[in-house]
Amino acid sequence: MLRKTPLLLAPWLAWGCGHPLAITPATLPNAIQNAAYSQKIDADGVAPRTYLVQKGTLPSGLDLAKDTGALTGTPTTPGTSTFTIYVEDSATGPNDTGTADYTLTVIPQLKVDSDLKIDGPSPVRAGRALAAHVGVTGGQTPYTFACAGLPGGISFDTHTGAISGTPVNVREYPL
C-alpha cells in the first residue's frame, strides 16, 4: 500500500532558490552636467550583494560601486543613458538575483548670460519703458531668478527673469 508522506523543506532551501530580488529605487533622479551625483541602488536578499551594469552604459563620469550599489561621480556629458543593473546576493545555496532597467538623464549645466538682453530700444533712459530678460540655458527647470538693486519704476519677475517698467532715475545700476 502506498502512503502519502508530506515533503518538508528546510527554510534555507526555500530562501536560496533563485528568487528575484526587489531592486530600488524604481527610477533615478536626473543628474546635472559637471555637478556631483550620488544615488544608492539597493536590493533585498542576503548581504553582501554584488552590483554590476549588465547592459548599456552609465553616463560618462559616473561609476557603480560593485559592493555597495552606490552610483556616484560627476557626469561630464549631457544626454540620456539607458542601462540595466544586475544584483546578486550571497544566500546559502543558489544565489538570488535580480535586474532593474534605468534611464538617467544628464541635464546641461546651467549657464547665465552675463549680458542683459534688452527687448526694446537701447540705451535704457529715464522715462522710457524698459523690457529686458536674463538669458539662461541648461540646468533644471523651472528656474527661480533673484535680483537686487533695481531702480525705482522697474520690476523683476522671479519666475521668468523678465525685467520691465519705466525707470525714474538716470544712473548706472549694477544687477
N, C-alpha and C. Protein backbone atom coordinates (compact mmCIF):
# COMPACT_ATOMS: atom_id res chain seq x y z
N MET A 1 0.83 -1.16 0.00
CA MET A 1 0.00 0.00 0.00
C MET A 1 0.88 1.24 0.00
N LEU A 2 0.51 2.22 -0.79
CA LEU A 2 1.28 3.46 -0.88
C LEU A 2 0.79 4.45 0.16
N ARG A 3 1.73 5.10 0.78
CA ARG A 3 1.41 6.14 1.75
C ARG A 3 1.87 7.49 1.24
N LYS A 4 1.09 8.49 1.48
CA LYS A 4 1.49 9.85 1.12
C LYS A 4 2.25 10.43 2.29
N THR A 5 3.47 10.82 2.04
CA THR A 5 4.30 11.41 3.08
C THR A 5 4.53 12.87 2.73
N PRO A 6 4.19 13.80 3.63
CA PRO A 6 4.43 15.22 3.32
C PRO A 6 5.92 15.49 3.17
N LEU A 7 6.23 16.35 2.23
CA LEU A 7 7.62 16.74 1.99
C LEU A 7 7.87 18.06 2.72
N LEU A 8 8.83 18.07 3.60
CA LEU A 8 9.18 19.27 4.34
C LEU A 8 10.52 19.77 3.84
N LEU A 9 10.58 21.05 3.55
CA LEU A 9 11.83 21.64 3.10
C LEU A 9 12.41 22.47 4.23
N ALA A 10 13.70 22.40 4.35
CA ALA A 10 14.37 23.23 5.33
C ALA A 10 14.21 24.70 4.91
N PRO A 11 14.06 25.62 5.85
CA PRO A 11 13.87 27.05 5.49
C PRO A 11 14.97 27.59 4.61
N TRP A 12 16.21 27.13 4.77
CA TRP A 12 17.28 27.68 3.95
C TRP A 12 17.13 27.28 2.50
N LEU A 13 16.46 26.16 2.22
CA LEU A 13 16.25 25.77 0.82
C LEU A 13 15.27 26.71 0.15
N ALA A 14 14.23 27.10 0.87
CA ALA A 14 13.23 27.99 0.30
C ALA A 14 13.83 29.36 0.03
N TRP A 15 14.72 29.85 0.90
CA TRP A 15 15.29 31.19 0.75
C TRP A 15 16.25 31.27 -0.42
N GLY A 16 17.11 30.30 -0.62
CA GLY A 16 18.16 30.41 -1.61
C GLY A 16 17.87 29.72 -2.91
N CYS A 17 16.66 29.76 -3.40
CA CYS A 17 16.30 29.05 -4.62
C CYS A 17 16.20 29.95 -5.84
N GLY A 18 16.95 30.99 -5.86
CA GLY A 18 16.98 31.85 -7.04
C GLY A 18 15.78 32.75 -7.20
N HIS A 19 15.21 33.21 -6.11
CA HIS A 19 14.09 34.14 -6.19
C HIS A 19 14.57 35.49 -6.70
N PRO A 20 13.75 36.21 -7.50
CA PRO A 20 14.18 37.52 -7.97
C PRO A 20 14.27 38.52 -6.81
N LEU A 21 15.32 39.30 -6.82
CA LEU A 21 15.50 40.33 -5.81
C LEU A 21 14.68 41.57 -6.19
N ALA A 22 14.16 42.26 -5.19
CA ALA A 22 13.50 43.54 -5.41
C ALA A 22 14.56 44.64 -5.33
N ILE A 23 14.69 45.41 -6.41
CA ILE A 23 15.73 46.44 -6.50
C ILE A 23 15.07 47.81 -6.45
N THR A 24 15.65 48.70 -5.65
CA THR A 24 15.14 50.06 -5.53
C THR A 24 16.28 51.05 -5.74
N PRO A 25 15.99 52.28 -6.15
CA PRO A 25 14.68 52.84 -6.44
C PRO A 25 14.18 52.39 -7.81
N ALA A 26 12.90 52.64 -8.09
CA ALA A 26 12.33 52.26 -9.38
C ALA A 26 12.84 53.17 -10.49
N THR A 27 13.10 54.44 -10.18
CA THR A 27 13.63 55.40 -11.16
C THR A 27 14.77 56.19 -10.51
N LEU A 28 15.59 56.78 -11.33
CA LEU A 28 16.72 57.59 -10.85
C LEU A 28 16.45 59.07 -11.09
N PRO A 29 16.84 59.93 -10.14
CA PRO A 29 16.69 61.37 -10.38
C PRO A 29 17.68 61.84 -11.45
N ASN A 30 17.32 62.90 -12.15
CA ASN A 30 18.21 63.47 -13.16
C ASN A 30 19.53 63.91 -12.52
N ALA A 31 20.56 63.92 -13.33
CA ALA A 31 21.87 64.44 -12.93
C ALA A 31 22.09 65.75 -13.67
N ILE A 32 22.99 66.58 -13.16
CA ILE A 32 23.33 67.83 -13.83
C ILE A 32 24.80 67.78 -14.23
N GLN A 33 25.07 68.13 -15.47
CA GLN A 33 26.42 68.12 -16.02
C GLN A 33 27.37 68.88 -15.10
N ASN A 34 28.52 68.26 -14.83
CA ASN A 34 29.61 68.83 -14.03
C ASN A 34 29.23 69.10 -12.57
N ALA A 35 28.19 68.45 -12.07
CA ALA A 35 27.79 68.55 -10.66
C ALA A 35 27.84 67.15 -10.05
N ALA A 36 28.31 67.05 -8.81
CA ALA A 36 28.41 65.76 -8.13
C ALA A 36 27.04 65.07 -8.10
N TYR A 37 27.04 63.76 -8.31
CA TYR A 37 25.82 62.95 -8.30
C TYR A 37 26.03 61.76 -7.39
N SER A 38 25.02 61.41 -6.61
CA SER A 38 25.11 60.25 -5.73
C SER A 38 23.72 59.66 -5.55
N GLN A 39 23.58 58.39 -5.88
CA GLN A 39 22.31 57.69 -5.72
C GLN A 39 22.62 56.24 -5.33
N LYS A 40 21.96 55.75 -4.32
CA LYS A 40 22.16 54.37 -3.84
C LYS A 40 21.17 53.46 -4.53
N ILE A 41 21.68 52.39 -5.16
CA ILE A 41 20.85 51.31 -5.68
C ILE A 41 20.87 50.25 -4.58
N ASP A 42 19.70 49.73 -4.22
CA ASP A 42 19.64 48.76 -3.13
C ASP A 42 18.79 47.57 -3.56
N ALA A 43 18.91 46.48 -2.82
CA ALA A 43 18.12 45.28 -3.10
C ALA A 43 17.89 44.53 -1.81
N ASP A 44 16.81 43.74 -1.81
CA ASP A 44 16.59 42.89 -0.65
C ASP A 44 17.49 41.66 -0.80
N GLY A 45 17.25 40.63 -0.02
CA GLY A 45 18.10 39.44 -0.09
C GLY A 45 19.16 39.49 0.98
N VAL A 46 20.12 38.61 0.83
CA VAL A 46 21.15 38.41 1.84
C VAL A 46 22.41 39.22 1.50
N ALA A 47 22.85 40.06 2.45
CA ALA A 47 24.08 40.83 2.27
C ALA A 47 25.27 39.90 2.50
N PRO A 48 26.40 40.17 1.93
CA PRO A 48 26.65 41.26 0.98
C PRO A 48 26.10 40.94 -0.40
N ARG A 49 25.85 41.99 -1.17
CA ARG A 49 25.34 41.86 -2.53
C ARG A 49 26.39 42.39 -3.51
N THR A 50 26.29 41.92 -4.75
CA THR A 50 27.18 42.38 -5.82
C THR A 50 26.34 43.10 -6.86
N TYR A 51 26.79 44.30 -7.28
CA TYR A 51 26.07 45.14 -8.23
C TYR A 51 26.93 45.31 -9.48
N LEU A 52 26.33 45.09 -10.66
CA LEU A 52 27.04 45.22 -11.92
C LEU A 52 26.13 45.87 -12.96
N VAL A 53 26.74 46.58 -13.93
CA VAL A 53 25.99 47.05 -15.09
C VAL A 53 25.95 45.87 -16.06
N GLN A 54 24.76 45.32 -16.28
CA GLN A 54 24.62 44.13 -17.11
C GLN A 54 24.60 44.49 -18.60
N LYS A 55 23.88 45.56 -18.94
CA LYS A 55 23.88 46.02 -20.34
C LYS A 55 23.67 47.52 -20.36
N GLY A 56 24.06 48.12 -21.48
CA GLY A 56 24.02 49.56 -21.59
C GLY A 56 25.26 50.17 -20.94
N THR A 57 25.28 51.49 -20.86
CA THR A 57 26.42 52.17 -20.26
C THR A 57 25.94 53.29 -19.35
N LEU A 58 26.71 53.53 -18.31
CA LEU A 58 26.45 54.65 -17.42
C LEU A 58 26.87 55.94 -18.10
N PRO A 59 26.29 57.07 -17.71
CA PRO A 59 26.77 58.34 -18.25
C PRO A 59 28.26 58.52 -17.93
N SER A 60 28.99 59.16 -18.85
CA SER A 60 30.42 59.37 -18.62
C SER A 60 30.63 60.17 -17.34
N GLY A 61 31.57 59.71 -16.52
CA GLY A 61 31.87 60.37 -15.26
C GLY A 61 31.21 59.70 -14.06
N LEU A 62 30.28 58.75 -14.29
CA LEU A 62 29.63 58.05 -13.19
C LEU A 62 30.14 56.61 -13.09
N ASP A 63 30.19 56.09 -11.86
CA ASP A 63 30.62 54.72 -11.60
C ASP A 63 29.63 54.05 -10.65
N LEU A 64 29.50 52.73 -10.77
CA LEU A 64 28.68 51.94 -9.86
C LEU A 64 29.60 51.13 -8.98
N ALA A 65 29.50 51.31 -7.66
CA ALA A 65 30.33 50.56 -6.71
C ALA A 65 29.80 49.12 -6.65
N LYS A 66 30.65 48.18 -6.99
CA LYS A 66 30.29 46.76 -7.07
C LYS A 66 29.78 46.22 -5.73
N ASP A 67 30.33 46.70 -4.63
CA ASP A 67 30.00 46.13 -3.32
C ASP A 67 28.90 46.88 -2.57
N THR A 68 28.58 48.12 -2.95
CA THR A 68 27.58 48.90 -2.21
C THR A 68 26.38 49.32 -3.05
N GLY A 69 26.51 49.31 -4.36
CA GLY A 69 25.44 49.79 -5.23
C GLY A 69 25.36 51.30 -5.33
N ALA A 70 26.40 52.00 -4.84
CA ALA A 70 26.40 53.46 -4.91
C ALA A 70 26.75 53.89 -6.34
N LEU A 71 25.88 54.70 -6.92
CA LEU A 71 26.10 55.27 -8.25
C LEU A 71 26.55 56.70 -8.01
N THR A 72 27.85 56.97 -8.24
CA THR A 72 28.42 58.26 -7.87
C THR A 72 29.36 58.78 -8.95
N GLY A 73 29.66 60.06 -8.84
CA GLY A 73 30.62 60.70 -9.73
C GLY A 73 30.11 62.05 -10.17
N THR A 74 30.77 62.58 -11.20
CA THR A 74 30.39 63.86 -11.78
C THR A 74 30.18 63.65 -13.27
N PRO A 75 28.93 63.63 -13.72
CA PRO A 75 28.67 63.41 -15.14
C PRO A 75 29.21 64.56 -15.98
N THR A 76 29.84 64.22 -17.09
CA THR A 76 30.51 65.24 -17.89
C THR A 76 29.81 65.59 -19.19
N THR A 77 28.89 64.74 -19.64
CA THR A 77 28.26 64.95 -20.94
C THR A 77 26.74 64.92 -20.81
N PRO A 78 26.04 65.96 -21.29
CA PRO A 78 24.58 65.93 -21.24
C PRO A 78 24.03 64.84 -22.16
N GLY A 79 22.88 64.33 -21.81
CA GLY A 79 22.23 63.31 -22.63
C GLY A 79 21.51 62.29 -21.77
N THR A 80 20.98 61.26 -22.42
CA THR A 80 20.23 60.22 -21.74
C THR A 80 20.93 58.89 -21.92
N SER A 81 21.10 58.16 -20.83
CA SER A 81 21.71 56.82 -20.85
C SER A 81 20.70 55.82 -20.33
N THR A 82 20.65 54.66 -20.99
CA THR A 82 19.79 53.57 -20.57
C THR A 82 20.68 52.38 -20.24
N PHE A 83 20.45 51.76 -19.07
CA PHE A 83 21.29 50.64 -18.65
C PHE A 83 20.52 49.73 -17.72
N THR A 84 21.03 48.51 -17.55
CA THR A 84 20.42 47.52 -16.66
C THR A 84 21.42 47.18 -15.56
N ILE A 85 20.94 47.27 -14.31
CA ILE A 85 21.75 46.89 -13.15
C ILE A 85 21.38 45.47 -12.75
N TYR A 86 22.39 44.62 -12.59
CA TYR A 86 22.23 43.24 -12.14
C TYR A 86 22.72 43.16 -10.70
N VAL A 87 21.93 42.51 -9.83
CA VAL A 87 22.30 42.36 -8.43
C VAL A 87 22.24 40.88 -8.06
N GLU A 88 23.24 40.44 -7.31
CA GLU A 88 23.28 39.07 -6.82
C GLU A 88 23.55 39.11 -5.33
N ASP A 89 22.77 38.34 -4.56
CA ASP A 89 23.01 38.33 -3.12
C ASP A 89 23.92 37.16 -2.76
N SER A 90 24.15 36.95 -1.46
CA SER A 90 25.06 35.89 -1.01
C SER A 90 24.31 34.83 -0.21
N ALA A 91 23.09 34.49 -0.65
CA ALA A 91 22.30 33.47 0.04
C ALA A 91 23.02 32.13 0.01
N THR A 92 22.80 31.30 1.06
CA THR A 92 23.33 29.94 1.09
C THR A 92 22.60 29.14 0.01
N GLY A 93 23.31 28.31 -0.71
CA GLY A 93 22.69 27.60 -1.83
C GLY A 93 22.71 28.51 -3.04
N PRO A 94 21.80 28.28 -4.00
CA PRO A 94 21.79 29.15 -5.18
C PRO A 94 21.52 30.61 -4.77
N ASN A 95 22.29 31.51 -5.33
CA ASN A 95 22.13 32.92 -5.00
C ASN A 95 20.87 33.48 -5.65
N ASP A 96 20.25 34.44 -4.97
CA ASP A 96 19.13 35.16 -5.54
C ASP A 96 19.70 36.29 -6.40
N THR A 97 19.03 36.59 -7.51
CA THR A 97 19.49 37.63 -8.43
C THR A 97 18.31 38.51 -8.85
N GLY A 98 18.62 39.63 -9.42
CA GLY A 98 17.59 40.50 -9.96
C GLY A 98 18.20 41.53 -10.89
N THR A 99 17.37 42.12 -11.71
CA THR A 99 17.82 43.19 -12.60
C THR A 99 16.81 44.34 -12.53
N ALA A 100 17.29 45.52 -12.83
CA ALA A 100 16.43 46.70 -12.92
C ALA A 100 16.92 47.55 -14.08
N ASP A 101 15.98 47.97 -14.91
CA ASP A 101 16.29 48.84 -16.04
C ASP A 101 16.13 50.29 -15.62
N TYR A 102 17.13 51.10 -15.98
CA TYR A 102 17.12 52.52 -15.61
C TYR A 102 17.39 53.39 -16.83
N THR A 103 16.84 54.59 -16.79
CA THR A 103 17.16 55.66 -17.72
C THR A 103 17.60 56.84 -16.88
N LEU A 104 18.77 57.38 -17.17
CA LEU A 104 19.31 58.51 -16.41
C LEU A 104 19.61 59.64 -17.38
N THR A 105 19.01 60.79 -17.12
CA THR A 105 19.22 61.96 -17.97
C THR A 105 20.19 62.91 -17.28
N VAL A 106 21.23 63.31 -18.02
CA VAL A 106 22.17 64.32 -17.55
C VAL A 106 21.78 65.63 -18.23
N ILE A 107 21.35 66.59 -17.41
CA ILE A 107 20.90 67.89 -17.90
C ILE A 107 22.10 68.80 -18.09
N PRO A 108 22.12 69.59 -19.17
CA PRO A 108 23.25 70.52 -19.37
C PRO A 108 23.42 71.46 -18.18
N GLN A 109 24.65 71.79 -17.92
CA GLN A 109 24.99 72.71 -16.83
C GLN A 109 24.31 74.06 -17.05
N LEU A 110 23.84 74.66 -15.96
CA LEU A 110 23.19 75.97 -16.03
C LEU A 110 24.19 77.03 -16.47
N LYS A 111 23.79 77.84 -17.45
CA LYS A 111 24.62 78.96 -17.90
C LYS A 111 23.77 80.21 -17.91
N VAL A 112 24.25 81.24 -17.23
CA VAL A 112 23.57 82.54 -17.20
C VAL A 112 24.41 83.51 -18.01
N ASP A 113 23.78 84.11 -19.02
CA ASP A 113 24.46 85.09 -19.86
C ASP A 113 24.70 86.35 -19.03
N SER A 114 25.93 86.83 -19.02
CA SER A 114 26.26 88.00 -18.20
C SER A 114 25.73 89.30 -18.78
N ASP A 115 25.32 89.30 -20.04
CA ASP A 115 24.76 90.50 -20.65
C ASP A 115 23.24 90.46 -20.57
N LEU A 116 22.65 91.54 -20.10
CA LEU A 116 21.20 91.65 -20.04
C LEU A 116 20.66 91.74 -21.46
N LYS A 117 19.61 91.02 -21.77
CA LYS A 117 19.01 91.04 -23.11
C LYS A 117 17.91 92.10 -23.13
N ILE A 118 18.18 93.23 -23.80
CA ILE A 118 17.22 94.32 -23.90
C ILE A 118 16.25 93.99 -25.03
N ASP A 119 14.93 93.97 -24.72
CA ASP A 119 13.91 93.62 -25.70
C ASP A 119 13.30 94.85 -26.37
N GLY A 120 13.88 96.00 -26.16
CA GLY A 120 13.34 97.23 -26.74
C GLY A 120 14.49 98.16 -27.10
N PRO A 121 14.21 99.47 -27.20
CA PRO A 121 15.26 100.42 -27.58
C PRO A 121 16.38 100.46 -26.54
N SER A 122 17.58 100.63 -27.04
CA SER A 122 18.75 100.74 -26.16
C SER A 122 19.49 101.99 -26.58
N PRO A 123 20.07 102.77 -25.72
CA PRO A 123 20.21 102.52 -24.29
C PRO A 123 18.92 102.81 -23.54
N VAL A 124 18.86 102.27 -22.34
CA VAL A 124 17.72 102.49 -21.45
C VAL A 124 17.80 103.93 -20.94
N ARG A 125 16.69 104.63 -20.93
CA ARG A 125 16.66 106.02 -20.48
C ARG A 125 15.54 106.21 -19.47
N ALA A 126 15.74 107.17 -18.58
CA ALA A 126 14.70 107.52 -17.61
C ALA A 126 13.47 107.97 -18.37
N GLY A 127 12.30 107.51 -17.92
CA GLY A 127 11.05 107.89 -18.55
C GLY A 127 10.68 107.05 -19.76
N ARG A 128 11.57 106.18 -20.23
CA ARG A 128 11.28 105.31 -21.38
C ARG A 128 11.07 103.89 -20.87
N ALA A 129 9.99 103.24 -21.34
CA ALA A 129 9.67 101.87 -20.90
C ALA A 129 10.81 100.91 -21.23
N LEU A 130 11.06 100.02 -20.32
CA LEU A 130 12.12 99.02 -20.45
C LEU A 130 11.49 97.63 -20.48
N ALA A 131 11.97 96.81 -21.38
CA ALA A 131 11.63 95.38 -21.41
C ALA A 131 12.94 94.64 -21.65
N ALA A 132 13.31 93.77 -20.72
CA ALA A 132 14.57 93.02 -20.84
C ALA A 132 14.39 91.67 -20.14
N HIS A 133 15.34 90.79 -20.37
CA HIS A 133 15.31 89.50 -19.68
C HIS A 133 16.72 88.97 -19.47
N VAL A 134 16.84 88.07 -18.51
CA VAL A 134 18.11 87.40 -18.21
C VAL A 134 18.19 86.17 -19.09
N GLY A 135 19.29 86.02 -19.85
CA GLY A 135 19.47 84.87 -20.71
C GLY A 135 20.00 83.66 -19.94
N VAL A 136 19.27 82.53 -20.02
CA VAL A 136 19.65 81.32 -19.29
C VAL A 136 19.48 80.11 -20.19
N THR A 137 20.43 79.17 -20.13
CA THR A 137 20.30 77.88 -20.82
C THR A 137 20.75 76.77 -19.88
N GLY A 138 20.27 75.56 -20.16
CA GLY A 138 20.66 74.39 -19.37
C GLY A 138 20.01 74.38 -18.01
N GLY A 139 20.57 73.58 -17.13
CA GLY A 139 20.06 73.49 -15.77
C GLY A 139 18.71 72.79 -15.68
N GLN A 140 18.17 72.77 -14.49
CA GLN A 140 16.89 72.10 -14.21
C GLN A 140 15.79 73.14 -14.14
N THR A 141 14.79 73.00 -14.98
CA THR A 141 13.64 73.89 -14.93
C THR A 141 12.62 73.34 -13.96
N PRO A 142 11.75 74.16 -13.39
CA PRO A 142 11.63 75.59 -13.63
C PRO A 142 12.73 76.36 -12.91
N TYR A 143 13.14 77.47 -13.50
CA TYR A 143 14.15 78.33 -12.90
C TYR A 143 13.51 79.25 -11.85
N THR A 144 14.31 79.66 -10.90
CA THR A 144 13.92 80.71 -9.96
C THR A 144 14.99 81.78 -10.02
N PHE A 145 14.60 82.98 -10.35
CA PHE A 145 15.53 84.09 -10.50
C PHE A 145 15.50 84.98 -9.27
N ALA A 146 16.58 85.69 -9.03
CA ALA A 146 16.64 86.67 -7.95
C ALA A 146 17.42 87.88 -8.46
N CYS A 147 17.01 89.05 -8.02
CA CYS A 147 17.68 90.28 -8.44
C CYS A 147 17.52 91.31 -7.34
N ALA A 148 18.55 92.15 -7.16
CA ALA A 148 18.51 93.20 -6.15
C ALA A 148 19.05 94.49 -6.75
N GLY A 149 18.67 95.60 -6.16
CA GLY A 149 19.23 96.89 -6.57
C GLY A 149 18.62 97.49 -7.80
N LEU A 150 17.39 97.13 -8.14
CA LEU A 150 16.76 97.72 -9.32
C LEU A 150 16.33 99.15 -9.04
N PRO A 151 16.37 100.01 -10.08
CA PRO A 151 15.93 101.39 -9.89
C PRO A 151 14.42 101.48 -9.70
N GLY A 152 13.97 102.58 -9.13
CA GLY A 152 12.55 102.81 -8.96
C GLY A 152 11.83 102.73 -10.29
N GLY A 153 10.62 102.14 -10.28
CA GLY A 153 9.82 102.01 -11.50
C GLY A 153 10.07 100.73 -12.27
N ILE A 154 11.05 99.94 -11.85
CA ILE A 154 11.41 98.69 -12.55
C ILE A 154 11.03 97.50 -11.66
N SER A 155 10.45 96.48 -12.28
CA SER A 155 10.11 95.25 -11.54
C SER A 155 10.81 94.05 -12.18
N PHE A 156 10.92 93.00 -11.39
CA PHE A 156 11.63 91.80 -11.81
C PHE A 156 10.75 90.59 -11.54
N ASP A 157 10.57 89.74 -12.55
CA ASP A 157 9.75 88.53 -12.42
C ASP A 157 10.67 87.37 -12.03
N THR A 158 10.51 86.84 -10.80
CA THR A 158 11.38 85.77 -10.31
C THR A 158 11.13 84.44 -11.00
N HIS A 159 10.04 84.30 -11.75
CA HIS A 159 9.74 83.06 -12.46
C HIS A 159 10.28 83.05 -13.88
N THR A 160 10.35 84.22 -14.53
CA THR A 160 10.76 84.26 -15.94
C THR A 160 12.08 84.98 -16.16
N GLY A 161 12.54 85.77 -15.21
CA GLY A 161 13.75 86.56 -15.39
C GLY A 161 13.50 87.84 -16.18
N ALA A 162 12.22 88.19 -16.37
CA ALA A 162 11.88 89.40 -17.12
C ALA A 162 12.03 90.64 -16.24
N ILE A 163 12.58 91.69 -16.83
CA ILE A 163 12.73 92.98 -16.18
C ILE A 163 11.89 93.97 -16.99
N SER A 164 11.01 94.70 -16.30
CA SER A 164 10.14 95.61 -17.05
C SER A 164 9.77 96.81 -16.20
N GLY A 165 9.27 97.82 -16.88
CA GLY A 165 8.85 99.04 -16.20
C GLY A 165 9.45 100.26 -16.86
N THR A 166 9.32 101.39 -16.17
CA THR A 166 9.86 102.65 -16.66
C THR A 166 10.76 103.23 -15.58
N PRO A 167 12.07 103.26 -15.83
CA PRO A 167 12.98 103.81 -14.80
C PRO A 167 12.72 105.29 -14.59
N VAL A 168 12.84 105.72 -13.32
CA VAL A 168 12.57 107.11 -13.00
C VAL A 168 13.84 107.93 -12.81
N ASN A 169 14.99 107.29 -12.60
CA ASN A 169 16.25 107.99 -12.37
C ASN A 169 17.27 107.59 -13.43
N VAL A 170 18.15 108.55 -13.77
CA VAL A 170 19.22 108.27 -14.71
C VAL A 170 20.50 108.02 -13.93
N ARG A 171 21.02 106.83 -13.99
CA ARG A 171 22.33 106.45 -13.45
C ARG A 171 22.55 104.99 -13.71
N GLU A 172 23.76 104.48 -13.47
CA GLU A 172 24.05 103.06 -13.67
C GLU A 172 23.62 102.27 -12.44
N TYR A 173 23.04 101.11 -12.71
CA TYR A 173 22.61 100.20 -11.65
C TYR A 173 23.23 98.83 -11.90
N PRO A 174 24.10 98.37 -11.02
CA PRO A 174 24.64 97.02 -11.21
C PRO A 174 23.56 95.99 -10.89
N LEU A 175 23.44 94.94 -11.71
CA LEU A 175 22.44 93.89 -11.47
C LEU A 175 23.15 92.61 -11.10
